[in-house]
Amino acid sequence: MESGGPESASPMTHRVQSLSSADTRGKHRIHAELKRLEQEARFLEEELEQLEKTEKASTTCKVMPSNVETKPDPLLPSWSPKSCMGSMV
């Protein structure tokens, strides 16, 4: 049987006292973690807003080949199919 006397409360009281000294460190740790999570949430919200403003990838994929095909690559020497065919004859 449990008794409500001081003997049964003593281990719990000792534990509460030891936790109260670590309580300020625990509060600080929790506060720092909360701030970090709030900052990460703000960052993700900003990133989501940027994604909503950007063009859809499918539109970009359709436009990109036409841009690439119309502009010659400045790093490649220019040549025409006729010049290659003439050397084969």
C-alpha atoms as a PDB file:
ATOM      1  CA  MET A   1       0.000   0.000   0.000  1.00  0.00           C
ATOM      2  CA  GLU A   2       1.108   3.534  -0.737  1.00  0.00           C
ATOM      3  CA  SER A   3       1.258   6.028   2.029  1.00  0.00           C
ATOM      4  CA  GLY A   4       1.011   9.728   1.493  1.00  0.00           C
ATOM      5  CA  GLY A   5       3.817  10.336   3.957  1.00  0.00           C
ATOM      6  CA  PRO A   6       7.082  12.202   3.367  1.00  0.00           C
ATOM      7  CA  GLU A   7       8.951   8.998   2.550  1.00  0.00           C
ATOM      8  CA  SER A   8       7.020   8.458  -0.709  1.00  0.00           C
ATOM      9  CA  ALA A   9       7.290  12.123  -1.778  1.00  0.00           C
ATOM     10  CA  SER A  10      10.997  12.474  -1.065  1.00  0.00           C
ATOM     11  CA  PRO A  11      12.429  10.965  -4.303  1.00  0.00           C
ATOM     12  CA  MET A  12       9.996  13.004  -6.410  1.00  0.00           C
ATOM     13  CA  THR A  13      10.772  16.193  -4.504  1.00  0.00           C
ATOM     14  CA  HIS A  14      14.496  15.625  -5.010  1.00  0.00           C
ATOM     15  CA  ARG A  15      13.939  15.091  -8.741  1.00  0.00           C
ATOM     16  CA  VAL A  16      11.846  18.269  -9.065  1.00  0.00           C
ATOM     17  CA  GLN A  17      14.576  20.277  -7.311  1.00  0.00           C
ATOM     18  CA  SER A  18      17.278  18.943  -9.628  1.00  0.00           C
ATOM     19  CA  LEU A  19      15.071  19.670 -12.652  1.00  0.00           C
ATOM     20  CA  SER A  20      14.436  23.248 -11.524  1.00  0.00           C
ATOM     21  CA  SER A  21      18.162  24.024 -11.689  1.00  0.00           C
ATOM     22  CA  ALA A  22      18.295  22.664 -15.233  1.00  0.00           C
ATOM     23  CA  ASP A  23      14.978  24.297 -16.042  1.00  0.00           C
ATOM     24  CA  THR A  24      16.509  27.585 -17.184  1.00  0.00           C
ATOM     25  CA  ARG A  25      18.858  25.764 -19.540  1.00  0.00           C
ATOM     26  CA  GLY A  26      15.953  23.686 -20.819  1.00  0.00           C
ATOM     27  CA  LYS A  27      13.848  26.775 -21.408  1.00  0.00           C
ATOM     28  CA  HIS A  28      16.684  28.438 -23.287  1.00  0.00           C
ATOM     29  CA  ARG A  29      17.234  25.329 -25.404  1.00  0.00           C
ATOM     30  CA  ILE A  30      13.523  25.090 -26.209  1.00  0.00           C
ATOM     31  CA  HIS A  31      13.378  28.810 -27.008  1.00  0.00           C
ATOM     32  CA  ALA A  32      16.397  28.528 -29.320  1.00  0.00           C
ATOM     33  CA  GLU A  33      14.861  25.518 -31.095  1.00  0.00           C
ATOM     34  CA  LEU A  34      11.572  27.395 -31.480  1.00  0.00           C
ATOM     35  CA  LYS A  35      13.368  30.389 -32.998  1.00  0.00           C
ATOM     36  CA  ARG A  36      15.224  28.079 -35.406  1.00  0.00           C
ATOM     37  CA  LEU A  37      11.975  26.432 -36.481  1.00  0.00           C
ATOM     38  CA  GLU A  38      10.284  29.807 -36.956  1.00  0.00           C
ATOM     39  CA  GLN A  39      13.213  30.980 -39.096  1.00  0.00           C
ATOM     40  CA  GLU A  40      13.073  27.805 -41.178  1.00  0.00           C
ATOM     41  CA  ALA A  41       9.306  28.227 -41.629  1.00  0.00           C
ATOM     42  CA  ARG A  42       9.815  31.809 -42.846  1.00  0.00           C
ATOM     43  CA  PHE A  43      12.519  30.645 -45.251  1.00  0.00           C
ATOM     44  CA  LEU A  44      10.258  27.916 -46.645  1.00  0.00           C
ATOM     45  CA  GLU A  45       7.351  30.356 -47.012  1.00  0.00           C
ATOM     46  CA  GLU A  46       9.588  32.752 -48.976  1.00  0.00           C
ATOM     47  CA  GLU A  47      10.808  29.907 -51.169  1.00  0.00           C
ATOM     48  CA  LEU A  48       7.231  28.802 -51.807  1.00  0.00           C
ATOM     49  CA  GLU A  49       6.277  32.346 -52.827  1.00  0.00           C
ATOM     50  CA  GLN A  50       9.205  32.433 -55.266  1.00  0.00           C
ATOM     51  CA  LEU A  51       8.171  29.094 -56.736  1.00  0.00           C
ATOM     52  CA  GLU A  52       4.615  30.316 -57.217  1.00  0.00           C
ATOM     53  CA  LYS A  53       5.928  33.330 -59.157  1.00  0.00           C
ATOM     54  CA  THR A  54       8.190  31.339 -61.484  1.00  0.00           C
ATOM     55  CA  GLU A  55       7.166  29.965 -64.842  1.00  0.00           C
ATOM     56  CA  LYS A  56       6.098  26.403 -65.122  1.00  0.00           C
ATOM     57  CA  ALA A  57       8.888  24.073 -66.187  1.00  0.00           C
ATOM     58  CA  SER A  58       6.903  22.699 -69.112  1.00  0.00           C
ATOM     59  CA  THR A  59       6.626  26.181 -70.636  1.00  0.00           C
ATOM     60  CA  THR A  60      10.337  26.756 -70.219  1.00  0.00           C
ATOM     61  CA  CYS A  61      11.131  23.378 -71.750  1.00  0.00           C
ATOM     62  CA  LYS A  62       9.053  24.239 -74.815  1.00  0.00           C
ATOM     63  CA  VAL A  63      10.694  27.644 -75.302  1.00  0.00           C
ATOM     64  CA  MET A  64      14.280  26.598 -74.596  1.00  0.00           C
ATOM     65  CA  PRO A  65      14.914  24.471 -77.734  1.00  0.00           C
ATOM     66  CA  SER A  66      13.740  27.242 -80.056  1.00  0.00           C
ATOM     67  CA  ASN A  67      16.112  29.691 -78.344  1.00  0.00           C
ATOM     68  CA  VAL A  68      19.018  27.277 -78.588  1.00  0.00           C
ATOM     69  CA  GLU A  69      18.348  26.349 -82.222  1.00  0.00           C
ATOM     70  CA  THR A  70      18.189  29.959 -83.418  1.00  0.00           C
ATOM     71  CA  LYS A  71      21.433  31.114 -81.783  1.00  0.00           C
ATOM     72  CA  PRO A  72      24.773  29.648 -82.863  1.00  0.00           C
ATOM     73  CA  ASP A  73      27.141  28.407 -80.183  1.00  0.00           C
ATOM     74  CA  PRO A  74      29.993  30.938 -79.901  1.00  0.00           C
ATOM     75  CA  LEU A  75      32.442  28.231 -78.827  1.00  0.00           C
ATOM     76  CA  LEU A  76      31.912  26.041 -81.888  1.00  0.00           C
ATOM     77  CA  PRO A  77      33.392  26.964 -85.276  1.00  0.00           C
ATOM     78  CA  SER A  78      30.773  27.972 -87.782  1.00  0.00           C
ATOM     79  CA  TRP A  79      30.183  25.616 -90.663  1.00  0.00           C
ATOM     80  CA  SER A  80      27.466  24.865 -93.139  1.00  0.00           C
ATOM     81  CA  PRO A  81      26.242  21.525 -94.440  1.00  0.00           C
ATOM     82  CA  LYS A  82      27.221  22.573 -97.998  1.00  0.00           C
ATOM     83  CA  SER A  83      30.875  22.947 -97.011  1.00  0.00           C
ATOM     84  CA  CYS A  84      30.896  19.410 -95.599  1.00  0.00           C
ATOM     85  CA  MET A  85      29.116  17.958 -98.627  1.00  0.00           C
ATOM     86  CA  GLY A  86      31.544  19.633-100.999  1.00  0.00           C
ATOM     87  CA  SER A  87      34.512  17.873 -99.425  1.00  0.00           C
ATOM     88  CA  MET A  88      32.805  14.491 -99.851  1.00  0.00           C
ATOM     89  CA  VAL A  89      32.393  14.859-103.611  1.00  0.00           C
END
